[in-house]
Structure formats: structure tokens, C-alpha cells
Amino acid sequence: PYDSMIAAHARALGLILVTNNTREFERINGLRLEDWSIS
């Protein structure tokens, strides 16, 4: 339930959201994602 609030906060501040669950956040336009679990 907090994923959308986390994403909105990161997007509003222009931050990169680090997650291994990129599929959950890809639907949010303008959100920059990075998956550190990929080597």
C-alpha cells in the first residue's frame, strides 16, 4: 500500500528509486528506477 506514496515522493524530488521490484513501479510516468539486484 505504500508503494505509490514512495514512488510519488521519489518522483516529486527527482530521485532515482532503487528497487528489485521494478515491474511494480514501471507504470508511473517520469519515475526513474534502478535495480541493484541485477549484476
PDB file of N, CA and C in Angstrom:
ATOM      1  N   PRO A   1       0.807  -1.221   0.000  1.00  0.00           N
ATOM      2  CA  PRO A   1       0.000   0.000   0.000  1.00  0.00           C
ATOM      3  C   PRO A   1       0.839   1.270   0.000  1.00  0.00           C
ATOM      4  N   TYR A   2       2.097   1.173   0.406  1.00  0.00           N
ATOM      5  CA  TYR A   2       2.942   2.360   0.466  1.00  0.00           C
ATOM      6  C   TYR A   2       3.736   2.585  -0.810  1.00  0.00           C
ATOM      7  N   ASP A   3       3.691   1.643  -1.735  1.00  0.00           N
ATOM      8  CA  ASP A   3       4.484   1.760  -2.960  1.00  0.00           C
ATOM      9  C   ASP A   3       4.181   3.032  -3.732  1.00  0.00           C
ATOM     10  N   SER A   4       2.915   3.379  -3.855  1.00  0.00           N
ATOM     11  CA  SER A   4       2.559   4.576  -4.622  1.00  0.00           C
ATOM     12  C   SER A   4       3.024   5.848  -3.922  1.00  0.00           C
ATOM     13  N   MET A   5       2.990   5.870  -2.599  1.00  0.00           N
ATOM     14  CA  MET A   5       3.472   7.045  -1.868  1.00  0.00           C
ATOM     15  C   MET A   5       4.988   7.176  -1.989  1.00  0.00           C
ATOM     16  N   ILE A   6       5.695   6.057  -1.923  1.00  0.00           N
ATOM     17  CA  ILE A   6       7.150   6.074  -2.083  1.00  0.00           C
ATOM     18  C   ILE A   6       7.511   6.562  -3.481  1.00  0.00           C
ATOM     19  N   ALA A   7       6.816   6.039  -4.483  1.00  0.00           N
ATOM     20  CA  ALA A   7       7.075   6.430  -5.871  1.00  0.00           C
ATOM     21  C   ALA A   7       6.776   7.907  -6.091  1.00  0.00           C
ATOM     22  N   ALA A   8       5.674   8.386  -5.557  1.00  0.00           N
ATOM     23  CA  ALA A   8       5.305   9.790  -5.722  1.00  0.00           C
ATOM     24  C   ALA A   8       6.332  10.707  -5.075  1.00  0.00           C
ATOM     25  N   HIS A   9       6.811  10.330  -3.924  1.00  0.00           N
ATOM     26  CA  HIS A   9       7.809  11.139  -3.226  1.00  0.00           C
ATOM     27  C   HIS A   9       9.117  11.188  -4.020  1.00  0.00           C
ATOM     28  N   ALA A  10       9.556  10.035  -4.502  1.00  0.00           N
ATOM     29  CA  ALA A  10      10.787   9.987  -5.293  1.00  0.00           C
ATOM     30  C   ALA A  10      10.648  10.799  -6.572  1.00  0.00           C
ATOM     31  N   ARG A  11       9.518  10.674  -7.223  1.00  0.00           N
ATOM     32  CA  ARG A  11       9.297  11.413  -8.471  1.00  0.00           C
ATOM     33  C   ARG A  11       9.238  12.915  -8.216  1.00  0.00           C
ATOM     34  N   ALA A  12       8.564  13.322  -7.163  1.00  0.00           N
ATOM     35  CA  ALA A  12       8.433  14.744  -6.849  1.00  0.00           C
ATOM     36  C   ALA A  12       9.788  15.393  -6.563  1.00  0.00           C
ATOM     37  N   LEU A  13      10.693  14.630  -5.975  1.00  0.00           N
ATOM     38  CA  LEU A  13      12.012  15.167  -5.647  1.00  0.00           C
ATOM     39  C   LEU A  13      13.046  14.910  -6.740  1.00  0.00           C
ATOM     40  N   GLY A  14      12.638  14.216  -7.799  1.00  0.00           N
ATOM     41  CA  GLY A  14      13.549  13.926  -8.896  1.00  0.00           C
ATOM     42  C   GLY A  14      14.602  12.892  -8.543  1.00  0.00           C
ATOM     43  N   LEU A  15      14.254  11.983  -7.651  1.00  0.00           N
ATOM     44  CA  LEU A  15      15.193  10.965  -7.196  1.00  0.00           C
ATOM     45  C   LEU A  15      15.073   9.689  -8.013  1.00  0.00           C
ATOM     46  N   ILE A  16      16.071   8.840  -7.905  1.00  0.00           N
ATOM     47  CA  ILE A  16      16.033   7.511  -8.508  1.00  0.00           C
ATOM     48  C   ILE A  16      15.562   6.542  -7.435  1.00  0.00           C
ATOM     49  N   LEU A  17      14.557   5.762  -7.747  1.00  0.00           N
ATOM     50  CA  LEU A  17      14.036   4.769  -6.814  1.00  0.00           C
ATOM     51  C   LEU A  17      14.770   3.453  -7.033  1.00  0.00           C
ATOM     52  N   VAL A  18      15.439   2.976  -6.001  1.00  0.00           N
ATOM     53  CA  VAL A  18      16.168   1.710  -6.076  1.00  0.00           C
ATOM     54  C   VAL A  18      15.267   0.612  -5.541  1.00  0.00           C
ATOM     55  N   THR A  19      15.010  -0.390  -6.376  1.00  0.00           N
ATOM     56  CA  THR A  19      14.126  -1.493  -6.004  1.00  0.00           C
ATOM     57  C   THR A  19      14.458  -2.726  -6.829  1.00  0.00           C
ATOM     58  N   ASN A  20      14.137  -3.886  -6.300  1.00  0.00           N
ATOM     59  CA  ASN A  20      14.256  -5.097  -7.113  1.00  0.00           C
ATOM     60  C   ASN A  20      12.892  -5.487  -7.672  1.00  0.00           C
ATOM     61  N   ASN A  21      11.897  -4.639  -7.444  1.00  0.00           N
ATOM     62  CA  ASN A  21      10.535  -4.859  -7.923  1.00  0.00           C
ATOM     63  C   ASN A  21      10.177  -3.776  -8.944  1.00  0.00           C
ATOM     64  N   THR A  22      10.964  -3.676 -10.003  1.00  0.00           N
ATOM     65  CA  THR A  22      10.750  -2.607 -10.979  1.00  0.00           C
ATOM     66  C   THR A  22       9.399  -2.725 -11.673  1.00  0.00           C
ATOM     67  N   ARG A  23       8.894  -3.926 -11.819  1.00  0.00           N
ATOM     68  CA  ARG A  23       7.609  -4.111 -12.507  1.00  0.00           C
ATOM     69  C   ARG A  23       6.476  -3.360 -11.796  1.00  0.00           C
ATOM     70  N   GLU A  24       6.546  -3.280 -10.490  1.00  0.00           N
ATOM     71  CA  GLU A  24       5.525  -2.573  -9.713  1.00  0.00           C
ATOM     72  C   GLU A  24       5.537  -1.073 -10.008  1.00  0.00           C
ATOM     73  N   PHE A  25       6.706  -0.526 -10.284  1.00  0.00           N
ATOM     74  CA  PHE A  25       6.848   0.916 -10.412  1.00  0.00           C
ATOM     75  C   PHE A  25       6.919   1.411 -11.851  1.00  0.00           C
ATOM     76  N   GLU A  26       7.058   0.525 -12.825  1.00  0.00           N
ATOM     77  CA  GLU A  26       7.187   0.942 -14.224  1.00  0.00           C
ATOM     78  C   GLU A  26       5.960   1.680 -14.740  1.00  0.00           C
ATOM     79  N   ARG A  27       4.831   1.505 -14.109  1.00  0.00           N
ATOM     80  CA  ARG A  27       3.589   2.147 -14.572  1.00  0.00           C
ATOM     81  C   ARG A  27       3.539   3.640 -14.248  1.00  0.00           C
ATOM     82  N   ILE A  28       4.477   4.127 -13.451  1.00  0.00           N
ATOM     83  CA  ILE A  28       4.466   5.526 -13.038  1.00  0.00           C
ATOM     84  C   ILE A  28       5.357   6.334 -13.977  1.00  0.00           C
ATOM     85  N   ASN A  29       4.732   7.201 -14.757  1.00  0.00           N
ATOM     86  CA  ASN A  29       5.453   8.021 -15.736  1.00  0.00           C
ATOM     87  C   ASN A  29       6.403   8.988 -15.042  1.00  0.00           C
ATOM     88  N   GLY A  30       7.595   9.090 -15.586  1.00  0.00           N
ATOM     89  CA  GLY A  30       8.561  10.049 -15.075  1.00  0.00           C
ATOM     90  C   GLY A  30       9.371   9.561 -13.893  1.00  0.00           C
ATOM     91  N   LEU A  31       9.094   8.364 -13.403  1.00  0.00           N
ATOM     92  CA  LEU A  31       9.833   7.831 -12.264  1.00  0.00           C
ATOM     93  C   LEU A  31      11.076   7.107 -12.764  1.00  0.00           C
ATOM     94  N   ARG A  32      12.221   7.475 -12.229  1.00  0.00           N
ATOM     95  CA  ARG A  32      13.471   6.822 -12.612  1.00  0.00           C
ATOM     96  C   ARG A  32      13.730   5.661 -11.656  1.00  0.00           C
ATOM     97  N   LEU A  33      14.011   4.494 -12.234  1.00  0.00           N
ATOM     98  CA  LEU A  33      14.197   3.277 -11.450  1.00  0.00           C
ATOM     99  C   LEU A  33      15.588   2.707 -11.647  1.00  0.00           C
ATOM    100  N   GLU A  34      16.070   2.025 -10.622  1.00  0.00           N
ATOM    101  CA  GLU A  34      17.320   1.284 -10.732  1.00  0.00           C
ATOM    102  C   GLU A  34      17.192   0.017  -9.896  1.00  0.00           C
ATOM    103  N   ASP A  35      17.606  -1.100 -10.495  1.00  0.00           N
ATOM    104  CA  ASP A  35      17.541  -2.397  -9.825  1.00  0.00           C
ATOM    105  C   ASP A  35      18.954  -2.844  -9.499  1.00  0.00           C
ATOM    106  N   TRP A  36      19.331  -2.786  -8.236  1.00  0.00           N
ATOM    107  CA  TRP A  36      20.674  -3.161  -7.819  1.00  0.00           C
ATOM    108  C   TRP A  36      20.839  -4.672  -7.713  1.00  0.00           C
ATOM    109  N   SER A  37      19.760  -5.434  -7.832  1.00  0.00           N
ATOM    110  CA  SER A  37      19.878  -6.894  -7.732  1.00  0.00           C
ATOM    111  C   SER A  37      20.391  -7.506  -9.029  1.00  0.00           C
ATOM    112  N   ILE A  38      20.385  -6.719 -10.117  1.00  0.00           N
ATOM    113  CA  ILE A  38      20.897  -7.192 -11.401  1.00  0.00           C
ATOM    114  C   ILE A  38      22.400  -6.945 -11.435  1.00  0.00           C
ATOM    115  N   SER A  39      23.148  -7.998 -11.682  1.00  0.00           N
ATOM    116  CA  SER A  39      24.611  -7.819 -11.695  1.00  0.00           C
ATOM    117  C   SER A  39      25.157  -7.710 -13.092  1.00  0.00           C
TER     118      SER A  39
END
